[in-house]
Amino acid sequence: NKVLMRFSSINAMIGLGAGFIIPLVPSWLLAKYGVTDAWSGPLLAISNITIGVAAILSPRIASRYGVIKAIMVTQVTSTLFMLSMAFMPGAILAASAYIVRAALMNMAVPLLDAYLMGIIEKEERGFASALNSIIWRLPNSATSIIGAEMLEDGEYDLPIYIATSFYLVGTSMFFLMFKDIKPKDDLVVADAVER
């Protein structure tokens, strides 16, 4: 299925970029600002709570702007907040930018999942979900090793710049490849983003 392969290649690019910094945020905060796990642990807990907020807001954004525009707005804005982390003068501002980034990305992810389910055949949906999970996680794991080495070398902002580049390329590719592809089953999209 060409559509699934295109979608998965973009997903892999996003996963590749994210691996450079997102799993390493506690290490990054420690290396750049001297913030220990006692402080960064609760920060990650707060960022995870944003999943609940995102679940409420995602369907509203999608119903107002359409799924493609909603994905673009949330992903691009999320990427800008991730990039801003490199320029923050202190740990509190950097952590705040990360929390906003997490909230916005947690809005984009269910929209992307719902959109994928709407553009492929019903019998392929289980396979597509599993494939996208694997394709995101494998490159993400690989680049986390590279990102960690960068942090050890004192390159605190370089992983963020690289991640931003991958996100922007992946998001642009998504728009160019899928802007004219409408979901085959709008009910699937509506149902998925409302869960």
N, C-alpha and C. Protein backbone atom coordinates (compact mmCIF):
# COMPACT_ATOMS: atom_id res chain seq x y z
N ASN A 1 0.85 -1.19 0.00
CA ASN A 1 0.00 0.00 0.00
C ASN A 1 0.89 1.25 0.00
N LYS A 2 0.84 2.01 -1.11
CA LYS A 2 1.70 3.18 -1.25
C LYS A 2 1.38 4.26 -0.24
N VAL A 3 0.11 4.45 0.05
CA VAL A 3 -0.30 5.49 1.01
C VAL A 3 0.28 5.18 2.38
N LEU A 4 0.17 3.94 2.81
CA LEU A 4 0.70 3.55 4.12
C LEU A 4 2.21 3.70 4.17
N MET A 5 2.91 3.35 3.08
CA MET A 5 4.36 3.47 3.05
C MET A 5 4.80 4.92 3.13
N ARG A 6 4.07 5.79 2.44
CA ARG A 6 4.39 7.23 2.51
C ARG A 6 4.18 7.76 3.92
N PHE A 7 3.04 7.39 4.49
CA PHE A 7 2.73 7.85 5.85
C PHE A 7 3.78 7.34 6.83
N SER A 8 4.16 6.09 6.69
CA SER A 8 5.13 5.49 7.60
C SER A 8 6.51 6.10 7.45
N SER A 9 6.89 6.46 6.21
CA SER A 9 8.19 7.09 6.01
C SER A 9 8.26 8.44 6.70
N ILE A 10 7.16 9.18 6.67
CA ILE A 10 7.10 10.47 7.36
C ILE A 10 7.15 10.25 8.87
N ASN A 11 6.41 9.25 9.32
CA ASN A 11 6.39 8.91 10.75
C ASN A 11 7.79 8.53 11.23
N ALA A 12 8.52 7.81 10.39
CA ALA A 12 9.89 7.41 10.73
C ALA A 12 10.79 8.63 10.85
N MET A 13 10.59 9.61 9.97
CA MET A 13 11.40 10.82 10.02
C MET A 13 11.15 11.61 11.30
N ILE A 14 9.88 11.69 11.70
CA ILE A 14 9.55 12.38 12.95
C ILE A 14 10.15 11.63 14.13
N GLY A 15 10.03 10.31 14.13
CA GLY A 15 10.62 9.50 15.20
C GLY A 15 12.12 9.65 15.26
N LEU A 16 12.75 9.70 14.09
CA LEU A 16 14.19 9.89 13.99
C LEU A 16 14.60 11.20 14.63
N GLY A 17 13.88 12.26 14.29
CA GLY A 17 14.19 13.58 14.85
C GLY A 17 13.95 13.65 16.35
N ALA A 18 12.81 13.12 16.77
CA ALA A 18 12.47 13.18 18.20
C ALA A 18 13.51 12.50 19.07
N GLY A 19 14.08 11.41 18.57
CA GLY A 19 15.05 10.65 19.36
C GLY A 19 16.26 11.45 19.79
N PHE A 20 16.62 12.46 19.03
CA PHE A 20 17.80 13.26 19.36
C PHE A 20 17.66 14.01 20.69
N ILE A 21 16.41 14.33 21.09
CA ILE A 21 16.27 15.14 22.31
C ILE A 21 15.11 14.76 23.22
N ILE A 22 13.96 14.37 22.68
CA ILE A 22 12.78 14.20 23.52
C ILE A 22 12.97 13.16 24.63
N PRO A 23 13.50 11.96 24.37
CA PRO A 23 13.71 11.02 25.48
C PRO A 23 14.82 11.47 26.43
N LEU A 24 15.60 12.46 26.00
CA LEU A 24 16.77 12.89 26.76
C LEU A 24 16.56 14.20 27.50
N VAL A 25 15.33 14.68 27.54
CA VAL A 25 15.07 15.97 28.18
C VAL A 25 15.57 16.03 29.64
N PRO A 26 15.35 14.98 30.46
CA PRO A 26 15.92 15.06 31.84
C PRO A 26 17.44 15.19 31.83
N SER A 27 18.11 14.45 30.95
CA SER A 27 19.57 14.54 30.85
C SER A 27 20.00 15.92 30.34
N TRP A 28 19.23 16.45 29.41
CA TRP A 28 19.50 17.78 28.86
C TRP A 28 19.37 18.86 29.93
N LEU A 29 18.31 18.76 30.73
CA LEU A 29 18.12 19.73 31.81
C LEU A 29 19.25 19.66 32.83
N LEU A 30 19.71 18.45 33.11
CA LEU A 30 20.83 18.27 34.04
C LEU A 30 22.12 18.83 33.46
N ALA A 31 22.39 18.51 32.19
CA ALA A 31 23.64 18.93 31.57
C ALA A 31 23.69 20.44 31.36
N LYS A 32 22.60 21.03 30.92
CA LYS A 32 22.61 22.45 30.58
C LYS A 32 22.34 23.36 31.77
N TYR A 33 21.45 22.94 32.66
CA TYR A 33 21.02 23.82 33.75
C TYR A 33 21.34 23.28 35.14
N GLY A 34 21.86 22.05 35.22
CA GLY A 34 22.16 21.46 36.52
C GLY A 34 20.93 21.02 37.28
N VAL A 35 19.83 20.77 36.57
CA VAL A 35 18.57 20.38 37.20
C VAL A 35 18.58 18.86 37.42
N THR A 36 18.33 18.43 38.64
CA THR A 36 18.36 17.00 38.96
C THR A 36 17.02 16.33 38.66
N ASP A 37 17.02 15.00 38.79
CA ASP A 37 15.80 14.23 38.54
C ASP A 37 14.69 14.58 39.53
N ALA A 38 15.06 15.06 40.69
CA ALA A 38 14.05 15.43 41.68
C ALA A 38 13.17 16.55 41.16
N TRP A 39 13.70 17.34 40.24
CA TRP A 39 12.94 18.44 39.66
C TRP A 39 12.39 18.06 38.28
N SER A 40 13.22 17.36 37.49
CA SER A 40 12.77 17.02 36.13
C SER A 40 11.75 15.89 36.12
N GLY A 41 11.75 15.03 37.15
CA GLY A 41 10.76 13.95 37.23
C GLY A 41 9.33 14.48 37.26
N PRO A 42 9.02 15.39 38.20
CA PRO A 42 7.68 15.98 38.21
C PRO A 42 7.35 16.73 36.92
N LEU A 43 8.38 17.33 36.29
CA LEU A 43 8.16 18.02 35.02
C LEU A 43 7.62 17.04 33.97
N LEU A 44 8.23 15.86 33.89
CA LEU A 44 7.78 14.87 32.92
C LEU A 44 6.38 14.37 33.26
N ALA A 45 6.08 14.29 34.55
CA ALA A 45 4.74 13.88 34.96
C ALA A 45 3.71 14.91 34.49
N ILE A 46 4.05 16.18 34.64
CA ILE A 46 3.15 17.25 34.20
C ILE A 46 2.95 17.18 32.69
N SER A 47 4.06 16.94 31.96
CA SER A 47 3.94 16.88 30.50
C SER A 47 3.06 15.71 30.07
N ASN A 48 3.08 14.61 30.83
CA ASN A 48 2.22 13.47 30.51
C ASN A 48 0.75 13.76 30.77
N ILE A 49 0.49 14.63 31.74
CA ILE A 49 -0.90 15.01 32.03
C ILE A 49 -1.50 15.75 30.84
N THR A 50 -0.65 16.38 30.04
CA THR A 50 -1.16 17.12 28.89
C THR A 50 -1.86 16.22 27.88
N ILE A 51 -1.61 14.91 27.97
CA ILE A 51 -2.30 13.98 27.07
C ILE A 51 -3.81 14.09 27.27
N GLY A 52 -4.22 14.22 28.52
CA GLY A 52 -5.65 14.36 28.82
C GLY A 52 -6.23 15.64 28.26
N VAL A 53 -5.48 16.72 28.41
CA VAL A 53 -5.91 18.02 27.88
C VAL A 53 -6.00 17.94 26.35
N ALA A 54 -5.01 17.32 25.75
CA ALA A 54 -4.98 17.19 24.29
C ALA A 54 -6.18 16.40 23.79
N ALA A 55 -6.57 15.37 24.54
CA ALA A 55 -7.71 14.54 24.12
C ALA A 55 -9.00 15.36 24.06
N ILE A 56 -9.08 16.37 24.91
CA ILE A 56 -10.27 17.23 24.92
C ILE A 56 -10.23 18.22 23.76
N LEU A 57 -9.05 18.78 23.50
CA LEU A 57 -8.93 19.85 22.51
C LEU A 57 -8.79 19.36 21.07
N SER A 58 -8.23 18.18 20.87
CA SER A 58 -7.99 17.68 19.50
C SER A 58 -9.24 17.68 18.63
N PRO A 59 -10.36 17.09 19.09
CA PRO A 59 -11.55 17.06 18.22
C PRO A 59 -12.09 18.45 17.91
N ARG A 60 -11.94 19.38 18.86
CA ARG A 60 -12.42 20.75 18.62
C ARG A 60 -11.63 21.42 17.52
N ILE A 61 -10.31 21.25 17.57
CA ILE A 61 -9.45 21.85 16.54
C ILE A 61 -9.74 21.21 15.19
N ALA A 62 -9.87 19.87 15.18
CA ALA A 62 -10.12 19.16 13.93
C ALA A 62 -11.47 19.54 13.32
N SER A 63 -12.49 19.69 14.15
CA SER A 63 -13.81 20.04 13.62
C SER A 63 -13.86 21.47 13.11
N ARG A 64 -13.01 22.31 13.67
CA ARG A 64 -13.00 23.72 13.25
C ARG A 64 -12.18 23.95 11.99
N TYR A 65 -11.01 23.33 11.92
CA TYR A 65 -10.09 23.59 10.81
C TYR A 65 -9.96 22.44 9.82
N GLY A 66 -10.47 21.27 10.17
CA GLY A 66 -10.24 20.08 9.36
C GLY A 66 -9.02 19.35 9.89
N VAL A 67 -8.96 18.04 9.65
CA VAL A 67 -7.91 17.21 10.25
C VAL A 67 -6.52 17.61 9.77
N ILE A 68 -6.35 17.83 8.45
CA ILE A 68 -5.02 18.14 7.91
C ILE A 68 -4.50 19.46 8.50
N LYS A 69 -5.32 20.49 8.48
CA LYS A 69 -4.89 21.79 9.02
C LYS A 69 -4.61 21.70 10.51
N ALA A 70 -5.44 20.94 11.22
CA ALA A 70 -5.23 20.78 12.66
C ALA A 70 -3.90 20.10 12.94
N ILE A 71 -3.57 19.08 12.15
CA ILE A 71 -2.29 18.38 12.30
C ILE A 71 -1.14 19.35 12.03
N MET A 72 -1.26 20.11 10.96
CA MET A 72 -0.19 21.04 10.60
C MET A 72 0.02 22.10 11.68
N VAL A 73 -1.07 22.70 12.14
CA VAL A 73 -0.97 23.77 13.14
C VAL A 73 -0.34 23.25 14.43
N THR A 74 -0.81 22.09 14.91
CA THR A 74 -0.29 21.58 16.18
C THR A 74 1.15 21.11 16.06
N GLN A 75 1.50 20.46 14.94
CA GLN A 75 2.87 19.98 14.79
C GLN A 75 3.86 21.12 14.60
N VAL A 76 3.52 22.08 13.76
CA VAL A 76 4.45 23.20 13.52
C VAL A 76 4.63 24.02 14.78
N THR A 77 3.53 24.30 15.48
CA THR A 77 3.63 25.08 16.72
C THR A 77 4.42 24.32 17.77
N SER A 78 4.18 23.02 17.86
CA SER A 78 4.93 22.18 18.79
C SER A 78 6.43 22.24 18.48
N THR A 79 6.76 22.17 17.20
CA THR A 79 8.17 22.20 16.79
C THR A 79 8.82 23.53 17.15
N LEU A 80 8.09 24.62 17.01
CA LEU A 80 8.63 25.93 17.36
C LEU A 80 8.92 26.03 18.86
N PHE A 81 8.04 25.46 19.67
CA PHE A 81 8.28 25.47 21.11
C PHE A 81 9.48 24.58 21.46
N MET A 82 9.63 23.46 20.74
CA MET A 82 10.80 22.62 20.97
C MET A 82 12.08 23.39 20.62
N LEU A 83 12.07 24.08 19.50
CA LEU A 83 13.23 24.88 19.10
C LEU A 83 13.53 25.97 20.12
N SER A 84 12.50 26.58 20.67
CA SER A 84 12.70 27.68 21.63
C SER A 84 13.42 27.23 22.89
N MET A 85 13.37 25.93 23.20
CA MET A 85 14.07 25.43 24.38
C MET A 85 15.55 25.75 24.33
N ALA A 86 16.13 25.75 23.14
CA ALA A 86 17.56 26.00 22.99
C ALA A 86 17.94 27.43 23.34
N PHE A 87 16.97 28.33 23.32
CA PHE A 87 17.25 29.75 23.52
C PHE A 87 16.81 30.26 24.89
N MET A 88 16.26 29.39 25.72
CA MET A 88 15.77 29.82 27.02
C MET A 88 16.93 30.07 27.99
N PRO A 89 16.88 31.20 28.71
CA PRO A 89 17.99 31.55 29.61
C PRO A 89 18.00 30.79 30.93
N GLY A 90 16.93 30.09 31.23
CA GLY A 90 16.88 29.38 32.51
C GLY A 90 16.06 28.12 32.43
N ALA A 91 16.18 27.28 33.45
CA ALA A 91 15.52 25.97 33.46
C ALA A 91 13.99 26.08 33.48
N ILE A 92 13.46 27.05 34.21
CA ILE A 92 12.00 27.17 34.32
C ILE A 92 11.37 27.50 32.97
N LEU A 93 11.98 28.44 32.25
CA LEU A 93 11.45 28.79 30.93
C LEU A 93 11.62 27.64 29.95
N ALA A 94 12.75 26.95 30.02
CA ALA A 94 12.98 25.81 29.13
C ALA A 94 11.97 24.70 29.41
N ALA A 95 11.71 24.44 30.69
CA ALA A 95 10.75 23.41 31.07
C ALA A 95 9.34 23.80 30.64
N SER A 96 9.02 25.08 30.76
CA SER A 96 7.69 25.56 30.33
C SER A 96 7.50 25.36 28.83
N ALA A 97 8.55 25.67 28.07
CA ALA A 97 8.49 25.47 26.61
C ALA A 97 8.29 23.99 26.29
N TYR A 98 8.96 23.13 27.05
CA TYR A 98 8.83 21.69 26.81
C TYR A 98 7.41 21.20 27.12
N ILE A 99 6.81 21.71 28.18
CA ILE A 99 5.45 21.30 28.55
C ILE A 99 4.46 21.71 27.47
N VAL A 100 4.61 22.94 26.96
CA VAL A 100 3.73 23.40 25.88
C VAL A 100 3.94 22.54 24.63
N ARG A 101 5.20 22.25 24.35
CA ARG A 101 5.52 21.39 23.20
C ARG A 101 4.85 20.02 23.35
N ALA A 102 4.91 19.45 24.54
CA ALA A 102 4.31 18.14 24.77
C ALA A 102 2.79 18.19 24.58
N ALA A 103 2.17 19.26 25.07
CA ALA A 103 0.71 19.40 24.94
C ALA A 103 0.31 19.47 23.47
N LEU A 104 1.04 20.26 22.70
CA LEU A 104 0.70 20.42 21.29
C LEU A 104 0.94 19.13 20.50
N MET A 105 2.05 18.45 20.78
CA MET A 105 2.32 17.20 20.07
C MET A 105 1.31 16.13 20.45
N ASN A 106 0.85 16.15 21.71
CA ASN A 106 -0.16 15.19 22.14
C ASN A 106 -1.52 15.47 21.50
N MET A 107 -1.69 16.67 20.95
CA MET A 107 -2.88 16.96 20.16
C MET A 107 -2.72 16.40 18.75
N ALA A 108 -1.51 16.50 18.22
CA ALA A 108 -1.26 16.07 16.84
C ALA A 108 -1.31 14.55 16.69
N VAL A 109 -0.78 13.83 17.66
CA VAL A 109 -0.67 12.37 17.52
C VAL A 109 -2.01 11.67 17.33
N PRO A 110 -3.03 11.93 18.18
CA PRO A 110 -4.32 11.25 17.93
C PRO A 110 -4.96 11.67 16.61
N LEU A 111 -4.71 12.91 16.19
CA LEU A 111 -5.25 13.35 14.90
C LEU A 111 -4.59 12.60 13.75
N LEU A 112 -3.26 12.41 13.86
CA LEU A 112 -2.54 11.64 12.83
C LEU A 112 -3.03 10.19 12.79
N ASP A 113 -3.20 9.59 13.98
CA ASP A 113 -3.68 8.20 14.04
C ASP A 113 -5.08 8.09 13.43
N ALA A 114 -5.93 9.05 13.76
CA ALA A 114 -7.29 9.02 13.24
C ALA A 114 -7.30 9.21 11.73
N TYR A 115 -6.46 10.12 11.26
CA TYR A 115 -6.39 10.37 9.82
C TYR A 115 -5.92 9.12 9.07
N LEU A 116 -4.90 8.47 9.61
CA LEU A 116 -4.40 7.25 8.98
C LEU A 116 -5.49 6.19 8.87
N MET A 117 -6.26 6.02 9.95
CA MET A 117 -7.33 5.03 9.93
C MET A 117 -8.39 5.37 8.89
N GLY A 118 -8.51 6.66 8.57
CA GLY A 118 -9.52 7.09 7.61
C GLY A 118 -9.09 7.01 6.17
N ILE A 119 -7.79 6.84 5.91
CA ILE A 119 -7.33 6.83 4.52
C ILE A 119 -6.91 5.44 4.02
N ILE A 120 -6.98 4.45 4.89
CA ILE A 120 -6.64 3.10 4.46
C ILE A 120 -7.85 2.18 4.63
N GLU A 121 -7.78 1.04 4.00
CA GLU A 121 -8.89 0.09 4.05
C GLU A 121 -9.04 -0.50 5.47
N LYS A 122 -10.26 -0.88 5.80
CA LYS A 122 -10.55 -1.38 7.14
C LYS A 122 -9.69 -2.58 7.52
N GLU A 123 -9.48 -3.48 6.57
CA GLU A 123 -8.73 -4.70 6.89
C GLU A 123 -7.24 -4.43 7.11
N GLU A 124 -6.76 -3.25 6.76
CA GLU A 124 -5.35 -2.92 6.92
C GLU A 124 -5.08 -2.10 8.17
N ARG A 125 -6.10 -1.70 8.89
CA ARG A 125 -5.93 -0.74 9.98
C ARG A 125 -5.11 -1.30 11.15
N GLY A 126 -5.32 -2.54 11.51
CA GLY A 126 -4.53 -3.13 12.60
C GLY A 126 -3.06 -3.20 12.26
N PHE A 127 -2.77 -3.67 11.05
CA PHE A 127 -1.39 -3.74 10.58
C PHE A 127 -0.77 -2.35 10.51
N ALA A 128 -1.52 -1.38 10.01
CA ALA A 128 -1.02 -0.01 9.87
C ALA A 128 -0.65 0.58 11.22
N SER A 129 -1.49 0.35 12.21
CA SER A 129 -1.22 0.86 13.55
C SER A 129 0.05 0.26 14.13
N ALA A 130 0.20 -1.05 13.99
CA ALA A 130 1.40 -1.73 14.50
C ALA A 130 2.65 -1.27 13.75
N LEU A 131 2.54 -1.18 12.42
CA LEU A 131 3.68 -0.77 11.60
C LEU A 131 4.16 0.62 11.97
N ASN A 132 3.23 1.54 12.15
CA ASN A 132 3.62 2.92 12.48
C ASN A 132 4.25 3.02 13.85
N SER A 133 3.80 2.21 14.77
CA SER A 133 4.41 2.21 16.10
C SER A 133 5.86 1.74 16.03
N ILE A 134 6.08 0.65 15.29
CA ILE A 134 7.44 0.11 15.15
C ILE A 134 8.33 1.08 14.40
N ILE A 135 7.81 1.62 13.30
CA ILE A 135 8.61 2.50 12.45
C ILE A 135 8.98 3.79 13.17
N TRP A 136 8.16 4.22 14.12
CA TRP A 136 8.50 5.41 14.90
C TRP A 136 9.54 5.08 15.97
N ARG A 137 9.36 3.96 16.63
CA ARG A 137 10.21 3.64 17.78
C ARG A 137 11.63 3.21 17.42
N LEU A 138 11.81 2.47 16.35
CA LEU A 138 13.14 1.98 15.99
C LEU A 138 14.12 3.12 15.69
N PRO A 139 13.80 4.05 14.78
CA PRO A 139 14.73 5.16 14.55
C PRO A 139 14.85 6.07 15.77
N ASN A 140 13.76 6.21 16.52
CA ASN A 140 13.79 7.03 17.73
C ASN A 140 14.81 6.49 18.72
N SER A 141 14.85 5.18 18.87
CA SER A 141 15.81 4.57 19.78
C SER A 141 17.24 4.76 19.31
N ALA A 142 17.45 4.66 18.00
CA ALA A 142 18.80 4.79 17.45
C ALA A 142 19.35 6.20 17.63
N THR A 143 18.54 7.20 17.35
CA THR A 143 19.04 8.58 17.44
C THR A 143 19.16 9.06 18.88
N SER A 144 18.48 8.38 19.81
CA SER A 144 18.65 8.73 21.22
C SER A 144 20.09 8.50 21.67
N ILE A 145 20.72 7.47 21.11
CA ILE A 145 22.13 7.17 21.43
C ILE A 145 23.02 8.30 20.93
N ILE A 146 22.74 8.76 19.71
CA ILE A 146 23.53 9.86 19.13
C ILE A 146 23.31 11.15 19.92
N GLY A 147 22.05 11.41 20.28
CA GLY A 147 21.74 12.61 21.06
C GLY A 147 22.44 12.59 22.40
N ALA A 148 22.48 11.43 23.04
CA ALA A 148 23.15 11.31 24.34
C ALA A 148 24.65 11.60 24.21
N GLU A 149 25.24 11.13 23.12
CA GLU A 149 26.67 11.40 22.90
C GLU A 149 26.92 12.89 22.69
N MET A 150 26.01 13.55 22.01
CA MET A 150 26.14 15.00 21.82
C MET A 150 26.09 15.74 23.16
N LEU A 151 25.18 15.32 24.02
CA LEU A 151 25.08 15.95 25.33
C LEU A 151 26.36 15.73 26.14
N GLU A 152 26.90 14.53 26.05
CA GLU A 152 28.16 14.23 26.75
C GLU A 152 29.31 15.09 26.24
N ASP A 153 29.25 15.45 24.96
CA ASP A 153 30.30 16.28 24.36
C ASP A 153 30.07 17.77 24.60
N GLY A 154 29.00 18.11 25.32
CA GLY A 154 28.71 19.51 25.62
C GLY A 154 27.93 20.22 24.54
N GLU A 155 27.42 19.47 23.57
CA GLU A 155 26.61 20.06 22.50
C GLU A 155 25.14 20.05 22.94
N TYR A 156 24.79 20.98 23.82
CA TYR A 156 23.47 20.95 24.43
C TYR A 156 22.34 21.36 23.49
N ASP A 157 22.62 22.23 22.55
CA ASP A 157 21.55 22.73 21.68
C ASP A 157 21.51 22.03 20.32
N LEU A 158 22.60 21.42 19.91
CA LEU A 158 22.66 20.75 18.61
C LEU A 158 21.58 19.68 18.44
N PRO A 159 21.32 18.83 19.45
CA PRO A 159 20.24 17.84 19.27
C PRO A 159 18.88 18.48 19.00
N ILE A 160 18.65 19.64 19.61
CA ILE A 160 17.37 20.34 19.39
C ILE A 160 17.29 20.85 17.96
N TYR A 161 18.40 21.41 17.47
CA TYR A 161 18.41 21.92 16.09
C TYR A 161 18.19 20.79 15.08
N ILE A 162 18.84 19.66 15.33
CA ILE A 162 18.68 18.51 14.42
C ILE A 162 17.24 17.99 14.46
N ALA A 163 16.71 17.85 15.67
CA ALA A 163 15.33 17.37 15.82
C ALA A 163 14.36 18.31 15.11
N THR A 164 14.57 19.62 15.26
CA THR A 164 13.70 20.61 14.61
C THR A 164 13.74 20.44 13.10
N SER A 165 14.92 20.21 12.55
CA SER A 165 15.06 20.04 11.10
C SER A 165 14.27 18.83 10.62
N PHE A 166 14.39 17.72 11.33
CA PHE A 166 13.65 16.51 10.95
C PHE A 166 12.14 16.74 11.04
N TYR A 167 11.70 17.41 12.11
CA TYR A 167 10.27 17.69 12.28
C TYR A 167 9.74 18.55 11.15
N LEU A 168 10.47 19.61 10.81
CA LEU A 168 10.00 20.52 9.76
C LEU A 168 9.95 19.84 8.40
N VAL A 169 10.96 19.02 8.10
CA VAL A 169 10.95 18.29 6.83
C VAL A 169 9.80 17.28 6.82
N GLY A 170 9.63 16.53 7.91
CA GLY A 170 8.56 15.54 7.98
C GLY A 170 7.18 16.16 7.88
N THR A 171 6.98 17.27 8.58
CA THR A 171 5.68 17.95 8.56
C THR A 171 5.39 18.52 7.17
N SER A 172 6.41 19.08 6.53
CA SER A 172 6.24 19.62 5.17
C SER A 172 5.90 18.50 4.19
N MET A 173 6.59 17.37 4.33
CA MET A 173 6.32 16.23 3.45
C MET A 173 4.89 15.73 3.65
N PHE A 174 4.45 15.70 4.91
CA PHE A 174 3.09 15.25 5.20
C PHE A 174 2.08 16.13 4.48
N PHE A 175 2.26 17.44 4.58
CA PHE A 175 1.32 18.36 3.94
C PHE A 175 1.32 18.17 2.42
N LEU A 176 2.50 18.12 1.82
CA LEU A 176 2.60 17.99 0.37
C LEU A 176 2.02 16.67 -0.15
N MET A 177 2.23 15.59 0.59
CA MET A 177 1.77 14.28 0.14
C MET A 177 0.30 14.00 0.42
N PHE A 178 -0.23 14.61 1.51
CA PHE A 178 -1.56 14.21 1.95
C PHE A 178 -2.61 15.32 1.93
N LYS A 179 -2.25 16.52 1.52
CA LYS A 179 -3.21 17.64 1.57
C LYS A 179 -4.45 17.39 0.72
N ASP A 180 -4.30 16.59 -0.32
CA ASP A 180 -5.44 16.33 -1.21
C ASP A 180 -6.08 14.96 -0.99
N ILE A 181 -5.61 14.23 -0.01
CA ILE A 181 -6.17 12.90 0.26
C ILE A 181 -7.18 13.00 1.41
N LYS A 182 -8.42 12.83 1.07
CA LYS A 182 -9.50 12.91 2.07
C LYS A 182 -9.70 11.53 2.70
N PRO A 183 -10.04 11.51 3.98
CA PRO A 183 -10.35 10.21 4.63
C PRO A 183 -11.51 9.52 3.91
N LYS A 184 -11.39 8.21 3.74
CA LYS A 184 -12.46 7.45 3.08
C LYS A 184 -13.69 7.34 3.97
N ASP A 185 -13.44 7.41 5.26
CA ASP A 185 -14.53 7.24 6.21
C ASP A 185 -14.41 8.33 7.27
N ASP A 186 -15.12 9.44 7.08
CA ASP A 186 -15.05 10.56 8.02
C ASP A 186 -15.48 10.16 9.42
N LEU A 187 -16.37 9.16 9.52
CA LEU A 187 -16.83 8.73 10.84
C LEU A 187 -15.68 8.13 11.65
N VAL A 188 -14.76 7.45 10.97
CA VAL A 188 -13.61 6.87 11.66
C VAL A 188 -12.77 7.97 12.28
N VAL A 189 -12.52 9.04 11.52
CA VAL A 189 -11.72 10.16 12.02
C VAL A 189 -12.41 10.82 13.19
N ALA A 190 -13.71 11.10 13.03
CA ALA A 190 -14.44 11.77 14.09
C ALA A 190 -14.45 10.94 15.37
N ASP A 191 -14.68 9.64 15.21
CA ASP A 191 -14.73 8.75 16.36
C ASP A 191 -13.38 8.66 17.05
N ALA A 192 -12.31 8.57 16.27
CA ALA A 192 -10.98 8.39 16.84
C ALA A 192 -10.52 9.61 17.61
N VAL A 193 -10.79 10.80 17.09
CA VAL A 193 -10.31 12.00 17.78
C VAL A 193 -11.15 12.34 19.00
N GLU A 194 -12.33 11.74 19.11
CA GLU A 194 -13.17 12.03 20.26
C GLU A 194 -12.93 11.08 21.41
N ARG A 195 -12.12 10.06 21.23
CA ARG A 195 -11.88 9.09 22.31
C ARG A 195 -10.85 9.63 23.29
